[in-house]
Protein backbone atom coordinates (compact mmCIF):
# COMPACT_ATOMS: atom_id res chain seq x y z
CA UNK A 1 0.00 0.00 0.00
CA UNK A 2 2.86 2.36 0.87
CA UNK A 3 4.47 1.64 -2.52
CA UNK A 4 1.21 2.42 -4.34
CA UNK A 5 1.00 5.74 -2.49
CA UNK A 6 4.59 6.58 -3.48
CA UNK A 7 3.80 5.79 -7.12
CA UNK A 8 0.65 7.93 -6.98
CA UNK A 9 2.53 10.81 -5.39
CA UNK A 10 5.24 10.66 -8.05
CA UNK A 11 2.56 10.46 -10.76
CA UNK A 12 1.05 13.67 -9.38
CA UNK A 13 4.24 15.49 -8.32
CA UNK A 14 6.01 14.86 -11.64
CA UNK A 15 3.03 16.41 -13.49
CA UNK A 16 2.22 13.20 -15.36
CA UNK A 17 -1.44 13.46 -14.36
CA UNK A 18 -1.80 17.02 -15.61
CA UNK A 19 -0.07 16.00 -18.87
CA UNK A 20 -2.59 13.18 -19.37
CA UNK A 21 -5.35 15.71 -18.69
CA UNK A 22 -4.01 18.10 -21.33
CA UNK A 23 -3.59 15.46 -24.04
CA UNK A 24 -7.12 14.27 -23.22
CA UNK A 25 -8.42 17.73 -24.12
CA UNK A 26 -6.35 17.64 -27.31
CA UNK A 27 -7.88 14.23 -28.03
CA UNK A 28 -11.36 15.70 -27.61
CA UNK A 29 -10.47 18.36 -30.18
CA UNK A 30 -9.39 15.69 -32.66
CA UNK A 31 -12.73 13.95 -32.10
CA UNK A 32 -14.62 17.20 -32.70
CA UNK A 33 -12.62 17.82 -35.88
CA UNK A 34 -13.36 14.31 -37.12
CA UNK A 35 -9.62 13.86 -37.56
CA UNK A 36 -7.44 10.98 -36.42
CA UNK A 37 -5.12 11.80 -33.50
CA UNK A 38 -1.51 12.58 -34.40
CA UNK A 39 0.76 10.58 -32.10
CA UNK A 40 3.62 13.01 -32.73
CA UNK A 41 1.54 15.99 -31.62
CA UNK A 42 0.12 14.17 -28.61
CA UNK A 43 3.62 13.00 -27.66
CA UNK A 44 4.94 16.55 -27.93
CA UNK A 45 2.08 17.99 -25.86
CA UNK A 46 2.42 15.29 -23.20
CA UNK A 47 6.16 15.68 -22.62
CA UNK A 48 6.23 19.47 -23.00
CA UNK A 49 3.49 19.84 -20.37
CA UNK A 50 5.59 17.77 -17.96
CA UNK A 51 8.62 19.97 -18.62
CA UNK A 52 6.70 23.25 -18.31
CA UNK A 53 4.78 22.34 -15.17
CA UNK A 54 7.82 20.92 -13.40
CA UNK A 55 9.81 23.99 -14.33
CA UNK A 56 7.12 26.24 -12.86
CA UNK A 57 6.69 24.10 -9.73
CA UNK A 58 10.32 23.30 -8.96
CA UNK A 59 12.48 25.68 -10.97
CA UNK A 60 10.97 29.14 -11.19
CA UNK A 61 14.52 30.39 -10.91
CA UNK A 62 16.90 28.64 -13.32
CA UNK A 63 19.59 27.83 -10.75
CA UNK A 64 17.01 26.05 -8.60
CA UNK A 65 16.14 23.86 -11.56
CA UNK A 66 19.77 22.90 -12.10
CA UNK A 67 20.95 22.65 -8.51
CA UNK A 68 18.67 20.35 -6.52
CA UNK A 69 19.64 18.89 -3.17
CA UNK A 70 16.51 16.86 -2.38
CA UNK A 71 16.86 13.30 -3.75
CA UNK A 72 13.14 13.05 -4.57
CA UNK A 73 13.31 16.27 -6.56
CA UNK A 74 16.45 15.00 -8.29
CA UNK A 75 14.42 12.08 -9.63
CA UNK A 76 11.73 14.48 -10.85
CA UNK A 77 14.45 16.66 -12.37
CA UNK A 78 15.96 13.72 -14.27
CA UNK A 79 12.49 12.72 -15.44
CA UNK A 80 11.87 16.30 -16.59
CA UNK A 81 15.10 16.45 -18.61
CA UNK A 82 14.26 13.09 -20.24
CA UNK A 83 10.80 14.49 -21.04
CA UNK A 84 12.44 17.56 -22.58
CA UNK A 85 14.45 15.35 -24.95
CA UNK A 86 11.28 13.45 -25.91
CA UNK A 87 9.37 16.71 -26.44
CA UNK A 88 12.06 18.02 -28.81
CA UNK A 89 12.04 14.73 -30.72
CA UNK A 90 8.28 14.83 -31.27
CA UNK A 91 8.32 18.56 -32.07
CA UNK A 92 10.82 17.98 -34.90
CA UNK A 93 8.33 15.60 -36.52
CA UNK A 94 5.65 18.30 -36.72
CA UNK A 95 4.74 20.97 -39.26
CA UNK A 96 6.43 24.39 -39.26
CA UNK A 97 3.17 26.19 -38.36
CA UNK A 98 2.96 24.15 -35.18
CA UNK A 99 6.56 25.06 -34.38
CA UNK A 100 5.77 28.79 -34.70
CA UNK A 101 2.64 28.48 -32.54
CA UNK A 102 4.60 26.47 -29.98
CA UNK A 103 7.28 29.17 -29.75
CA UNK A 104 4.62 31.80 -29.00
CA UNK A 105 2.93 29.60 -26.38
CA UNK A 106 6.32 28.67 -24.97
CA UNK A 107 7.29 32.33 -24.55
CA UNK A 108 4.06 32.97 -22.66
CA UNK A 109 4.83 30.01 -20.41
CA UNK A 110 8.37 31.26 -19.81
CA UNK A 111 7.20 34.80 -19.02
CA UNK A 112 4.69 33.28 -16.61
CA UNK A 113 7.57 32.03 -14.48
CA UNK A 114 10.63 34.17 -15.33
CA UNK A 115 10.83 37.96 -14.75
CA UNK A 116 11.48 40.06 -17.85
CA UNK A 117 14.22 41.97 -16.03
CA UNK A 118 16.13 41.32 -12.79
CA UNK A 119 13.89 43.55 -10.67
CA UNK A 120 10.68 42.97 -12.60
CA UNK A 121 7.88 40.63 -11.63
CA UNK A 122 6.90 37.70 -13.79
CA UNK A 123 3.44 37.46 -15.34
CA UNK A 124 2.46 35.01 -12.63
CA UNK A 125 2.90 37.77 -10.05
CA UNK A 126 0.70 40.33 -11.79
CA UNK A 127 -2.58 40.61 -9.92
CA UNK A 128 -5.35 38.48 -11.38
CA UNK A 129 -3.47 37.63 -14.58
CA UNK A 130 -2.22 34.15 -13.71
CA UNK A 131 -5.31 32.07 -14.49
CA UNK A 132 -5.94 33.80 -17.82
CA UNK A 133 -2.42 33.02 -19.01
CA UNK A 134 -2.82 29.37 -18.03
CA UNK A 135 -6.24 29.19 -19.72
CA UNK A 136 -4.92 30.74 -22.94
CA UNK A 137 -1.87 28.45 -23.10
CA UNK A 138 -3.95 25.33 -22.41
CA UNK A 139 -6.44 26.36 -25.11
CA UNK A 140 -3.54 26.96 -27.48
CA UNK A 141 -2.08 23.52 -26.89
CA UNK A 142 -5.40 21.66 -26.97
CA UNK A 143 -7.33 23.54 -29.66
CA UNK A 144 -4.98 25.59 -31.84
CA UNK A 145 -2.27 22.93 -32.27
CA UNK A 146 -4.70 20.10 -33.22
CA UNK A 147 -6.44 22.42 -35.72
CA UNK A 148 -3.09 23.37 -37.27
CA UNK A 149 -2.04 19.73 -37.29
CA UNK A 150 -5.25 18.76 -39.13
CA UNK A 151 -4.57 21.64 -41.57
CA UNK A 152 -8.02 23.13 -40.98
CA UNK A 153 -8.89 26.80 -41.17
CA UNK A 154 -9.18 29.06 -38.14
CA UNK A 155 -12.88 29.61 -38.74
CA UNK A 156 -15.81 30.64 -36.55
CA UNK A 157 -16.14 27.21 -34.96
CA UNK A 158 -12.44 27.30 -34.06
CA UNK A 159 -12.84 30.58 -32.17
CA UNK A 160 -15.95 29.34 -30.35
CA UNK A 161 -14.13 26.15 -29.36
CA UNK A 162 -11.05 28.13 -28.29
CA UNK A 163 -13.12 30.39 -26.02
CA UNK A 164 -14.98 27.37 -24.63
CA UNK A 165 -11.70 25.67 -23.84
CA UNK A 166 -10.44 28.77 -22.04
CA UNK A 167 -13.65 28.86 -19.99
CA UNK A 168 -13.27 25.17 -19.16
CA UNK A 169 -9.71 25.66 -17.94
CA UNK A 170 -10.71 28.71 -15.91
CA UNK A 171 -13.39 26.64 -14.16
CA UNK A 172 -10.90 23.81 -13.52
CA UNK A 173 -8.47 26.28 -11.95
CA UNK A 174 -10.98 27.69 -9.47
CA UNK A 175 -10.87 24.72 -7.04
CA UNK A 176 -7.07 25.15 -6.91
CA UNK A 177 -7.47 28.88 -6.27
CA UNK A 178 -9.93 28.18 -3.45
CA UNK A 179 -7.70 25.52 -1.91
CA UNK A 180 -4.59 27.73 -2.08
CA UNK A 181 -6.34 30.88 -0.84
CA UNK A 182 -4.86 30.59 2.65
CA UNK A 183 -1.29 30.27 1.33
CA UNK A 184 -1.32 32.63 -1.68
CA UNK A 185 0.31 36.02 -1.27
CA UNK A 186 -2.32 38.75 -0.95
CA UNK A 187 -0.64 40.68 -3.76
CA UNK A 188 -1.62 37.98 -6.24
CA UNK A 189 -5.27 39.07 -5.89
CA UNK A 190 -6.67 35.70 -6.90
CA UNK A 191 -10.40 35.45 -7.50
CA UNK A 192 -11.17 33.90 -4.09
CA UNK A 193 -9.19 36.72 -2.44
CA UNK A 194 -11.15 39.36 -4.35
CA UNK A 195 -14.62 37.80 -4.49
CA UNK A 196 -14.58 35.40 -1.55
CA UNK A 197 -15.06 31.65 -1.77
CA UNK A 198 -18.85 31.68 -2.15
CA UNK A 199 -18.86 34.22 -4.99
CA UNK A 200 -15.95 32.43 -6.69
CA UNK A 201 -18.04 29.26 -6.73
CA UNK A 202 -20.95 31.22 -8.19
CA UNK A 203 -18.68 32.69 -10.84
CA UNK A 204 -17.50 29.17 -11.67
CA UNK A 205 -21.09 28.02 -12.15
CA UNK A 206 -21.72 31.01 -14.43
CA UNK A 207 -18.59 30.26 -16.48
CA UNK A 208 -19.68 26.63 -16.74
CA UNK A 209 -23.08 27.65 -18.09
CA UNK A 210 -21.35 29.96 -20.56
CA UNK A 211 -19.07 27.07 -21.59
CA UNK A 212 -22.12 24.91 -22.34
CA UNK A 213 -24.33 27.54 -24.01
CA UNK A 214 -21.57 28.66 -26.39
CA UNK A 215 -21.90 25.23 -28.01
CA UNK A 216 -25.08 26.40 -29.73
CA UNK A 217 -23.19 29.19 -31.53
CA UNK A 218 -21.21 26.71 -33.59
CA UNK A 219 -22.00 26.26 -37.29
CA UNK A 220 -21.36 22.52 -37.18
CA UNK A 221 -23.07 20.95 -34.21
CA UNK A 222 -23.59 17.30 -33.33
CA UNK A 223 -26.02 15.91 -30.79
CA UNK A 224 -23.32 13.82 -29.11
CA UNK A 225 -21.24 16.96 -28.54
CA UNK A 226 -24.19 18.67 -26.84
CA UNK A 227 -24.84 15.66 -24.60
CA UNK A 228 -21.20 15.26 -23.57
CA UNK A 229 -20.77 18.99 -22.89
CA UNK A 230 -23.92 18.88 -20.76
CA UNK A 231 -22.57 15.94 -18.76
CA UNK A 232 -19.25 17.74 -18.36
CA UNK A 233 -21.01 20.92 -17.22
CA UNK A 234 -22.97 18.98 -14.58
CA UNK A 235 -19.75 17.39 -13.28
CA UNK A 236 -18.05 20.80 -13.10
CA UNK A 237 -20.94 22.33 -11.18
CA UNK A 238 -20.95 19.43 -8.72
CA UNK A 239 -17.23 19.99 -8.14
CA UNK A 240 -17.70 23.72 -7.63
CA UNK A 241 -20.41 23.25 -5.00
CA UNK A 242 -18.42 20.47 -3.35
CA UNK A 243 -17.77 22.49 -0.21
CA UNK A 244 -14.83 21.48 1.98
CA UNK A 245 -13.90 18.60 -0.31
CA UNK A 246 -12.08 21.12 -2.51
CA UNK A 247 -9.56 21.59 0.32
CA UNK A 248 -8.48 17.95 0.05
CA UNK A 249 -5.13 17.46 -1.71
CA UNK A 250 -6.12 14.42 -3.74
CA UNK A 251 -9.59 15.72 -4.56
CA UNK A 252 -8.14 18.73 -6.35
CA UNK A 253 -4.90 17.47 -7.86
CA UNK A 254 -6.29 14.08 -8.87
CA UNK A 255 -10.06 14.19 -9.32
CA UNK A 256 -10.44 17.74 -10.62
CA UNK A 257 -7.59 17.28 -13.10
CA UNK A 258 -9.15 13.95 -14.12
CA UNK A 259 -12.30 15.68 -15.42
CA UNK A 260 -10.84 16.26 -18.94
CA UNK A 261 -9.77 12.60 -18.96
CA UNK A 262 -13.36 11.63 -18.17
CA UNK A 263 -14.55 13.93 -20.99
CA UNK A 264 -12.21 12.26 -23.49
CA UNK A 265 -13.26 8.79 -22.31
CA UNK A 266 -16.88 9.65 -23.14
CA UNK A 267 -15.91 10.37 -26.76
CA UNK A 268 -13.71 7.27 -26.90
CA UNK A 269 -16.55 5.12 -25.54
CA UNK A 270 -19.06 6.58 -28.04
CA UNK A 271 -16.69 5.97 -30.94
CA UNK A 272 -16.21 2.35 -29.93
CA UNK A 273 -19.79 1.40 -29.20
CA UNK A 274 -22.01 3.69 -31.30
């Protein structure tokens, strides 16, 4: 049992779970496009998410990422460097347009963690900006890159899907914001700090409804997409009104981040059996 807990903790601490969550959202986009998943793109997204998240969590300052004294963090560091090599390999297999988009998204991710100048703050430190950067980057990786990979146009449906994905990520972030409220610096001005926990939950419910209702603005709409978005919206609302459960470590970092995986599994199940 102790070994299983260690494996689970490494799975979570090394950002493998969040990487699976991100590629699940990319997989949903491929399903919505009616395009087969590109293993090279999914491989790149998976390993680059591990690198980016571990860099943000453990190496906001470069020297901290290179000089690690804790043996557990050394293992995560080695895993991160191996993931970086894999990410580069998969990226080199992809189209030039994806490379350009990745550079832009990568710069945003870097600015999120690294100050522009020695005395400047990073984007993560700017009041209220953090979650919007994360939402935009996630939407870029899980909507823009699959659309570019499928060589489809950036049409109306793309922009609706992109905004929906940003809303989804914003809602998924809120339980983390609520959980971390007691530890976050007041200068960050996170939504729970500004609005309070109750109003943040209400905002999350409103964003979830917006996420679902935007579906009906799409030019190409399928009944299965409506049903699955409705199920997803119900799950999100249940999480948001979950009360003190959102303060649990495993509830947030495992179950909340597993929601996109659940969403992808619904599409996978429908494709197999319908």
